């Protein structure tokens, strides 16, 4: 686990919550000069809405926007 800046996020990066739970970056939804919005998914979550693909075939996960200068725990 390393400390990375949000500007270093790419598809496949894993980001950690405070408790160590890992989220996969499935898609970069939007980038501006100062922010990045990503779709985070986890197929290990007990919440269906967090899964990469929903049972009906639609994309799952949650959207999260970070300032590119934010420091995060992750595996790039």
N, C-alpha and C. Protein backbone atom coordinates (compact mmCIF):
# COMPACT_ATOMS: atom_id res chain seq x y z
N UNK A 1 0.85 -1.17 0.00
CA UNK A 1 0.00 0.00 0.00
C UNK A 1 0.90 1.23 0.00
N UNK A 2 0.60 2.15 -0.87
CA UNK A 2 1.37 3.38 -1.01
C UNK A 2 0.45 4.58 -0.86
N UNK A 3 1.05 5.73 -0.63
CA UNK A 3 0.29 6.97 -0.68
C UNK A 3 0.47 7.53 -2.08
N UNK A 4 -0.65 7.74 -2.77
CA UNK A 4 -0.62 8.28 -4.12
C UNK A 4 -1.47 9.55 -4.15
N UNK A 5 -1.27 10.37 -5.17
CA UNK A 5 -2.17 11.51 -5.35
C UNK A 5 -3.29 11.08 -6.29
N UNK A 6 -4.42 11.73 -6.17
CA UNK A 6 -5.55 11.39 -7.03
C UNK A 6 -5.21 11.58 -8.50
N UNK A 7 -4.29 12.45 -8.82
CA UNK A 7 -3.88 12.66 -10.21
C UNK A 7 -3.24 11.40 -10.80
N UNK A 8 -2.75 10.49 -9.96
CA UNK A 8 -2.10 9.26 -10.42
C UNK A 8 -3.09 8.13 -10.68
N UNK A 9 -4.36 8.33 -10.36
CA UNK A 9 -5.36 7.27 -10.52
C UNK A 9 -5.54 6.93 -11.99
N UNK A 10 -5.60 5.63 -12.26
CA UNK A 10 -5.93 5.15 -13.60
C UNK A 10 -6.82 3.92 -13.45
N UNK A 11 -7.42 3.46 -14.54
CA UNK A 11 -8.26 2.26 -14.48
C UNK A 11 -7.40 1.10 -13.98
N UNK A 12 -7.92 0.38 -13.00
CA UNK A 12 -7.18 -0.73 -12.40
C UNK A 12 -6.53 -0.38 -11.07
N UNK A 13 -6.41 0.91 -10.76
CA UNK A 13 -5.87 1.32 -9.47
C UNK A 13 -6.80 0.82 -8.37
N UNK A 14 -6.23 0.39 -7.26
CA UNK A 14 -7.02 0.00 -6.10
C UNK A 14 -6.85 1.06 -5.02
N UNK A 15 -7.97 1.53 -4.48
CA UNK A 15 -7.96 2.53 -3.41
C UNK A 15 -8.47 1.90 -2.13
N UNK A 16 -7.86 2.26 -1.01
CA UNK A 16 -8.21 1.65 0.27
C UNK A 16 -9.03 2.59 1.13
N UNK A 17 -10.02 2.00 1.83
CA UNK A 17 -10.74 2.73 2.87
C UNK A 17 -9.89 2.69 4.13
N UNK A 18 -10.31 3.41 5.15
CA UNK A 18 -9.57 3.45 6.41
C UNK A 18 -9.44 2.07 7.05
N UNK A 19 -10.43 1.20 6.81
CA UNK A 19 -10.40 -0.14 7.40
C UNK A 19 -9.65 -1.15 6.54
N UNK A 20 -9.08 -0.69 5.41
CA UNK A 20 -8.30 -1.57 4.55
C UNK A 20 -9.07 -2.18 3.40
N UNK A 21 -10.40 -1.98 3.35
CA UNK A 21 -11.21 -2.52 2.26
C UNK A 21 -10.79 -1.87 0.95
N UNK A 22 -10.54 -2.68 -0.08
CA UNK A 22 -10.06 -2.15 -1.36
C UNK A 22 -11.18 -1.98 -2.37
N UNK A 23 -11.13 -0.87 -3.08
CA UNK A 23 -12.05 -0.56 -4.17
C UNK A 23 -11.23 -0.55 -5.46
N UNK A 24 -11.78 -1.09 -6.53
CA UNK A 24 -11.14 -1.05 -7.85
C UNK A 24 -11.67 0.13 -8.64
N UNK A 25 -10.78 0.85 -9.31
CA UNK A 25 -11.20 1.92 -10.21
C UNK A 25 -11.58 1.24 -11.53
N UNK A 26 -12.89 1.22 -11.82
CA UNK A 26 -13.39 0.56 -13.02
C UNK A 26 -13.42 1.49 -14.22
N UNK A 27 -13.57 2.79 -13.97
CA UNK A 27 -13.70 3.74 -15.08
C UNK A 27 -13.36 5.14 -14.59
N UNK A 28 -12.70 5.90 -15.43
CA UNK A 28 -12.52 7.33 -15.17
C UNK A 28 -13.65 8.02 -15.90
N UNK A 29 -14.56 8.60 -15.14
CA UNK A 29 -15.78 9.17 -15.70
C UNK A 29 -15.54 10.56 -16.26
N UNK A 30 -14.78 11.38 -15.53
CA UNK A 30 -14.57 12.77 -15.95
C UNK A 30 -13.29 13.30 -15.31
N UNK A 31 -12.58 14.12 -16.06
CA UNK A 31 -11.40 14.81 -15.52
C UNK A 31 -11.48 16.28 -15.87
N UNK A 32 -11.12 17.11 -14.92
CA UNK A 32 -10.95 18.53 -15.15
C UNK A 32 -9.51 18.84 -14.76
N UNK A 33 -9.05 20.06 -14.96
CA UNK A 33 -7.68 20.37 -14.53
C UNK A 33 -7.44 20.15 -13.03
N UNK A 34 -8.49 20.24 -12.21
CA UNK A 34 -8.30 20.13 -10.76
C UNK A 34 -8.95 18.91 -10.11
N UNK A 35 -9.88 18.22 -10.80
CA UNK A 35 -10.59 17.09 -10.19
C UNK A 35 -10.60 15.87 -11.12
N UNK A 36 -10.89 14.73 -10.50
CA UNK A 36 -11.07 13.48 -11.25
C UNK A 36 -12.25 12.75 -10.63
N UNK A 37 -13.17 12.29 -11.47
CA UNK A 37 -14.33 11.52 -11.02
C UNK A 37 -14.18 10.11 -11.55
N UNK A 38 -14.30 9.13 -10.65
CA UNK A 38 -14.10 7.73 -11.01
C UNK A 38 -15.27 6.88 -10.55
N UNK A 39 -15.43 5.72 -11.21
CA UNK A 39 -16.40 4.72 -10.77
C UNK A 39 -15.62 3.67 -9.99
N UNK A 40 -15.96 3.52 -8.71
CA UNK A 40 -15.32 2.55 -7.83
C UNK A 40 -16.23 1.35 -7.67
N UNK A 41 -15.65 0.15 -7.76
CA UNK A 41 -16.42 -1.08 -7.64
C UNK A 41 -15.69 -2.06 -6.75
N UNK A 42 -16.46 -2.99 -6.18
CA UNK A 42 -15.88 -4.11 -5.45
C UNK A 42 -16.79 -5.31 -5.56
N UNK A 43 -16.29 -6.35 -6.20
CA UNK A 43 -17.08 -7.58 -6.32
C UNK A 43 -17.07 -8.37 -5.02
N UNK A 44 -16.33 -7.93 -4.02
CA UNK A 44 -16.29 -8.61 -2.73
C UNK A 44 -17.25 -7.99 -1.73
N UNK A 45 -17.91 -6.92 -2.11
CA UNK A 45 -18.85 -6.23 -1.22
C UNK A 45 -20.14 -7.03 -1.08
N UNK A 46 -20.75 -6.95 0.09
CA UNK A 46 -22.05 -7.60 0.29
C UNK A 46 -23.18 -6.74 -0.25
N UNK A 47 -22.90 -5.51 -0.66
CA UNK A 47 -23.90 -4.62 -1.23
C UNK A 47 -23.88 -4.76 -2.76
N UNK A 48 -24.99 -5.19 -3.34
CA UNK A 48 -25.04 -5.40 -4.79
C UNK A 48 -24.71 -4.15 -5.58
N UNK A 49 -25.11 -2.97 -5.08
CA UNK A 49 -24.85 -1.75 -5.84
C UNK A 49 -23.35 -1.46 -5.98
N UNK A 50 -22.50 -2.09 -5.19
CA UNK A 50 -21.05 -1.89 -5.28
C UNK A 50 -20.39 -2.82 -6.29
N UNK A 51 -21.12 -3.85 -6.76
CA UNK A 51 -20.54 -4.81 -7.70
C UNK A 51 -20.25 -4.14 -9.03
N UNK A 52 -19.26 -4.66 -9.76
CA UNK A 52 -18.89 -4.10 -11.06
C UNK A 52 -20.04 -4.14 -12.05
N UNK A 53 -20.75 -5.26 -12.09
CA UNK A 53 -21.90 -5.42 -12.97
C UNK A 53 -23.09 -5.87 -12.13
N UNK A 54 -24.21 -5.21 -12.31
CA UNK A 54 -25.43 -5.55 -11.58
C UNK A 54 -26.05 -6.82 -12.17
N UNK A 55 -26.93 -7.50 -11.41
CA UNK A 55 -27.57 -8.71 -11.93
C UNK A 55 -28.30 -8.50 -13.26
N UNK A 56 -28.78 -7.28 -13.51
CA UNK A 56 -29.49 -7.02 -14.77
C UNK A 56 -28.54 -6.60 -15.90
N UNK A 57 -27.23 -6.61 -15.64
CA UNK A 57 -26.24 -6.31 -16.68
C UNK A 57 -25.79 -4.86 -16.74
N UNK A 58 -26.41 -3.97 -15.97
CA UNK A 58 -26.01 -2.57 -15.98
C UNK A 58 -24.74 -2.37 -15.14
N UNK A 59 -23.99 -1.31 -15.42
CA UNK A 59 -22.78 -1.06 -14.63
C UNK A 59 -23.14 -0.73 -13.18
N UNK A 60 -22.30 -1.19 -12.28
CA UNK A 60 -22.51 -0.91 -10.86
C UNK A 60 -21.43 0.00 -10.33
N UNK A 61 -21.28 -0.03 -9.02
CA UNK A 61 -20.27 0.79 -8.38
C UNK A 61 -20.81 2.13 -7.93
N UNK A 62 -19.90 2.93 -7.39
CA UNK A 62 -20.25 4.26 -6.90
C UNK A 62 -19.33 5.28 -7.56
N UNK A 63 -19.85 6.48 -7.76
CA UNK A 63 -19.04 7.56 -8.32
C UNK A 63 -18.43 8.37 -7.18
N UNK A 64 -17.17 8.72 -7.34
CA UNK A 64 -16.47 9.50 -6.33
C UNK A 64 -15.59 10.52 -7.04
N UNK A 65 -15.65 11.76 -6.58
CA UNK A 65 -14.83 12.83 -7.15
C UNK A 65 -13.75 13.21 -6.14
N UNK A 66 -12.52 13.29 -6.62
CA UNK A 66 -11.37 13.68 -5.80
C UNK A 66 -10.72 14.91 -6.39
N UNK A 67 -10.17 15.76 -5.53
CA UNK A 67 -9.26 16.81 -6.01
C UNK A 67 -7.98 16.10 -6.41
N UNK A 68 -7.38 16.48 -7.51
CA UNK A 68 -6.18 15.80 -7.99
C UNK A 68 -5.02 15.90 -7.02
N UNK A 69 -5.05 16.87 -6.13
CA UNK A 69 -3.98 17.01 -5.14
C UNK A 69 -4.21 16.15 -3.90
N UNK A 70 -5.37 15.50 -3.79
CA UNK A 70 -5.67 14.67 -2.62
C UNK A 70 -4.70 13.50 -2.53
N UNK A 71 -4.28 13.19 -1.31
CA UNK A 71 -3.40 12.05 -1.07
C UNK A 71 -4.25 10.89 -0.58
N UNK A 72 -4.08 9.74 -1.21
CA UNK A 72 -4.90 8.57 -0.93
C UNK A 72 -4.01 7.35 -0.72
N UNK A 73 -4.54 6.37 0.03
CA UNK A 73 -3.87 5.08 0.12
C UNK A 73 -4.31 4.25 -1.06
N UNK A 74 -3.37 3.70 -1.79
CA UNK A 74 -3.76 2.91 -2.94
C UNK A 74 -2.62 2.10 -3.52
N UNK A 75 -2.99 1.28 -4.48
CA UNK A 75 -2.04 0.47 -5.23
C UNK A 75 -2.23 0.86 -6.69
N UNK A 76 -1.25 1.57 -7.23
CA UNK A 76 -1.39 2.06 -8.62
C UNK A 76 -0.86 1.04 -9.60
